[in-house]
Each structure stands twice: as C-alpha cells, then as structure tokens.
Amino acid sequence: MHKGETFASTVDALERLGQAGITRSVMILNGLAGPQLSLRHAENSARLANTTQPEYLATLVVSFPLGEERFRSAFPDWRPLSQRELFVEMERFLERLELQRTVFRSDHASNWLALRGTLDADKPRLLRQLRQAIADPAAAPLRPASARGL
C-alpha cells in the first residue's frame, strides 16, 4: 500500500509536532491492507505508535462513502475484511502496542466493537473485550450493521 508517506517520514512529522508542543492524534484505518497484509498492517501501525507515543490514538474501519471503484482500480486484488478478520487485526495491533499514556478510542461508528481506554493501563481489559468478540460475537456488545454508518 503506497500512501505517499514512509514510516520514517511519518515518524519525523509526528516527532516535529511533539517537539513544537502540538498534541498528536493518530488515526489507523483497520482493514486498509486487506486480508493478505492485515497482520503486517497491524504490526507496522503498532510500531509507529510505539515509536512516536502519540497523545491520542484511534482506529476506524476503512470505508468508501463514495464507492470503492477508484480504490479498487488501484488495488484490484483488495477485498474488505470480515468482522472476524477485523477483530483479529485489532487484536494484533493492541497486543503489539507499548504506550506510556495514550488515550485510545476505537468507537467510531464504523467499528463493530467500541473500545475506549488509556494505553497501556487499559490494555488487558481491551484485549479481553476483543477476544470475547472473537470467541463469541453473539455475546459481545457489537453494533448492529445498520448502526455502523457505512
């Protein structure tokens, strides 16, 4: 996935913002890499957050409000992740995070499961909630598909 940025240029930009006293808020798009690169996307996203220690970190599920045609023309083999695949990607992401004091939100309408906390303090609780959703989605407090805003 070529986004016009590299890991190094993104780290540099976030570090400059921090040095300037600007609060950093990082958004990760779950599902962006599709199933073949999902876990690598989660690991690299966690590595970015660990390196930069942003004050705020959030995730939302990649969506295409105006349609997928343009995206698919550039990435024809891409397909969206299933609910379970999204949860597994999020689990890998959270497992790899090593943050000092970052406010974490995964409560955007696009997310099946709303997660909120401060990392690393709330990491065990967030992982428990996520693993419950993986093991037994019917028992987890998931948003209905109609409420996801996609």
Protein backbone atom coordinates (compact mmCIF):
# COMPACT_ATOMS: atom_id res chain seq x y z
CA MET A 1 0.00 0.00 0.00
CA HIS A 2 1.66 3.24 -1.13
CA LYS A 3 0.20 6.19 0.76
CA GLY A 4 2.66 8.88 -0.30
CA GLU A 5 4.47 8.62 3.04
CA THR A 6 7.05 6.30 4.52
CA PHE A 7 7.40 5.02 8.05
CA ALA A 8 10.38 7.37 8.54
CA SER A 9 8.63 10.45 7.14
CA THR A 10 5.58 9.80 9.30
CA VAL A 11 7.73 9.36 12.43
CA ASP A 12 9.61 12.56 11.56
CA ALA A 13 6.39 14.55 11.12
CA LEU A 14 4.92 13.27 14.40
CA GLU A 15 8.15 13.97 16.28
CA ARG A 16 8.27 17.53 14.91
CA LEU A 17 4.69 18.10 16.03
CA GLY A 18 5.53 16.83 19.51
CA GLN A 19 8.66 18.99 19.74
CA ALA A 20 6.57 22.01 18.77
CA GLY A 21 4.18 21.28 21.64
CA ILE A 22 1.37 20.23 19.32
CA THR A 23 -0.82 17.39 20.55
CA ARG A 24 -0.56 14.39 18.24
CA SER A 25 -3.67 12.45 17.28
CA VAL A 26 -3.08 9.39 15.09
CA MET A 27 -5.81 7.57 13.17
CA ILE A 28 -5.32 3.99 11.99
CA LEU A 29 -7.57 2.55 9.26
CA ASN A 30 -8.37 -1.06 10.11
CA GLY A 31 -8.83 -3.24 7.07
CA LEU A 32 -6.92 -0.93 4.73
CA ALA A 33 -4.38 -3.58 3.76
CA GLY A 34 -6.93 -6.30 3.04
CA PRO A 35 -6.60 -9.87 4.32
CA GLN A 36 -3.21 -10.71 2.83
CA LEU A 37 -1.38 -7.86 4.57
CA SER A 38 -3.69 -7.38 7.54
CA LEU A 39 -1.38 -8.60 10.29
CA ARG A 40 1.62 -6.75 8.87
CA HIS A 41 -0.51 -3.60 8.75
CA ALA A 42 -1.41 -4.11 12.42
CA GLU A 43 2.22 -4.68 13.43
CA ASN A 44 3.57 -1.70 11.48
CA SER A 45 0.81 0.55 12.82
CA ALA A 46 1.69 -0.51 16.37
CA ARG A 47 5.38 0.08 15.66
CA LEU A 48 4.57 3.61 14.50
CA ALA A 49 2.54 4.33 17.65
CA ASN A 50 5.23 2.83 19.90
CA THR A 51 7.94 4.90 18.25
CA THR A 52 6.04 8.19 18.42
CA GLN A 53 3.94 7.77 21.61
CA PRO A 54 1.05 9.99 20.42
CA GLU A 55 -1.24 11.60 22.96
CA TYR A 56 -4.30 10.25 21.13
CA LEU A 57 -4.69 7.11 19.04
CA ALA A 58 -7.85 5.96 17.30
CA THR A 59 -8.98 3.37 14.81
CA LEU A 60 -11.83 3.17 12.37
CA VAL A 61 -12.72 0.66 9.71
CA VAL A 62 -11.76 1.71 6.20
CA SER A 63 -14.84 2.71 4.24
CA PHE A 64 -15.67 4.25 0.91
CA PRO A 65 -18.68 6.55 1.25
CA LEU A 66 -18.49 7.48 -2.43
CA GLY A 67 -17.88 3.90 -3.58
CA GLU A 68 -14.91 1.55 -3.89
CA GLU A 69 -14.37 1.90 -7.65
CA ARG A 70 -11.41 4.30 -7.53
CA PHE A 71 -9.68 2.37 -4.76
CA ARG A 72 -10.26 -0.96 -6.49
CA SER A 73 -8.87 0.39 -9.75
CA ALA A 74 -5.55 0.94 -7.97
CA PHE A 75 -5.74 -2.25 -5.86
CA PRO A 76 -7.83 -4.78 -7.82
CA ASP A 77 -6.99 -7.74 -5.55
CA TRP A 78 -8.09 -5.95 -2.38
CA ARG A 79 -11.16 -7.14 -0.52
CA PRO A 80 -12.69 -5.91 2.73
CA LEU A 81 -12.01 -7.83 5.93
CA SER A 82 -14.78 -9.84 7.53
CA GLN A 83 -15.92 -8.93 11.02
CA ARG A 84 -13.71 -11.65 12.50
CA GLU A 85 -10.71 -10.59 10.39
CA LEU A 86 -11.15 -7.01 11.61
CA PHE A 87 -11.18 -8.24 15.22
CA VAL A 88 -8.04 -10.35 14.66
CA GLU A 89 -6.26 -7.38 13.07
CA MET A 90 -7.24 -5.19 16.04
CA GLU A 91 -6.08 -7.88 18.47
CA ARG A 92 -2.64 -8.00 16.81
CA PHE A 93 -2.46 -4.19 16.87
CA LEU A 94 -3.34 -3.95 20.57
CA GLU A 95 -1.03 -6.84 21.50
CA ARG A 96 1.91 -5.04 19.92
CA LEU A 97 1.25 -1.62 21.46
CA GLU A 98 3.67 -0.44 24.16
CA LEU A 99 2.45 3.01 25.07
CA GLN A 100 3.08 5.17 28.12
CA ARG A 101 -0.06 7.25 28.40
CA THR A 102 -2.06 7.40 25.20
CA VAL A 103 -5.80 7.95 25.08
CA PHE A 104 -7.16 5.21 22.81
CA ARG A 105 -10.50 5.19 21.04
CA SER A 106 -11.96 2.66 18.68
CA ASP A 107 -15.51 3.90 18.98
CA HIS A 108 -16.12 5.38 15.53
CA ALA A 109 -19.44 4.33 14.01
CA SER A 110 -17.58 2.12 11.52
CA ASN A 111 -16.28 -0.15 14.29
CA TRP A 112 -18.31 -3.22 15.23
CA LEU A 113 -16.99 -3.13 18.79
CA ALA A 114 -16.49 0.16 20.62
CA LEU A 115 -13.27 0.20 22.66
CA ARG A 116 -12.08 3.05 24.88
CA GLY A 117 -9.23 3.37 27.32
CA THR A 118 -5.79 4.67 28.18
CA LEU A 119 -2.85 2.62 27.00
CA ASP A 120 -1.04 0.79 28.35
CA ALA A 121 -3.11 0.86 31.58
CA ASP A 122 -6.30 -0.49 29.99
CA LYS A 123 -4.66 -2.86 27.51
CA PRO A 124 -5.59 -6.09 29.39
CA ARG A 125 -9.26 -5.06 29.59
CA LEU A 126 -9.38 -4.01 25.93
CA LEU A 127 -7.81 -7.29 24.83
CA ARG A 128 -10.31 -9.24 26.95
CA GLN A 129 -13.22 -7.41 25.29
CA LEU A 130 -11.78 -8.02 21.85
CA ARG A 131 -11.05 -11.69 22.50
CA GLN A 132 -14.60 -12.18 23.76
CA ALA A 133 -15.86 -10.73 20.47
CA ILE A 134 -13.59 -13.08 18.51
CA ALA A 135 -14.62 -16.15 20.51
CA ASP A 136 -18.34 -15.42 20.77
CA PRO A 137 -19.53 -12.47 18.70
CA ALA A 138 -23.16 -13.17 19.63
CA ALA A 139 -22.35 -12.47 23.30
CA ALA A 140 -20.28 -9.34 22.63
CA PRO A 141 -21.78 -5.83 22.69
CA LEU A 142 -21.48 -5.29 18.93
CA ARG A 143 -23.12 -2.55 16.91
CA PRO A 144 -25.76 -3.80 14.52
CA ALA A 145 -24.67 -3.48 10.89
CA SER A 146 -27.38 -0.86 10.35
CA ALA A 147 -25.81 1.38 13.01
CA ARG A 148 -22.27 1.29 11.66
CA GLY A 149 -22.64 4.27 9.35
CA LEU A 150 -21.14 2.57 6.29
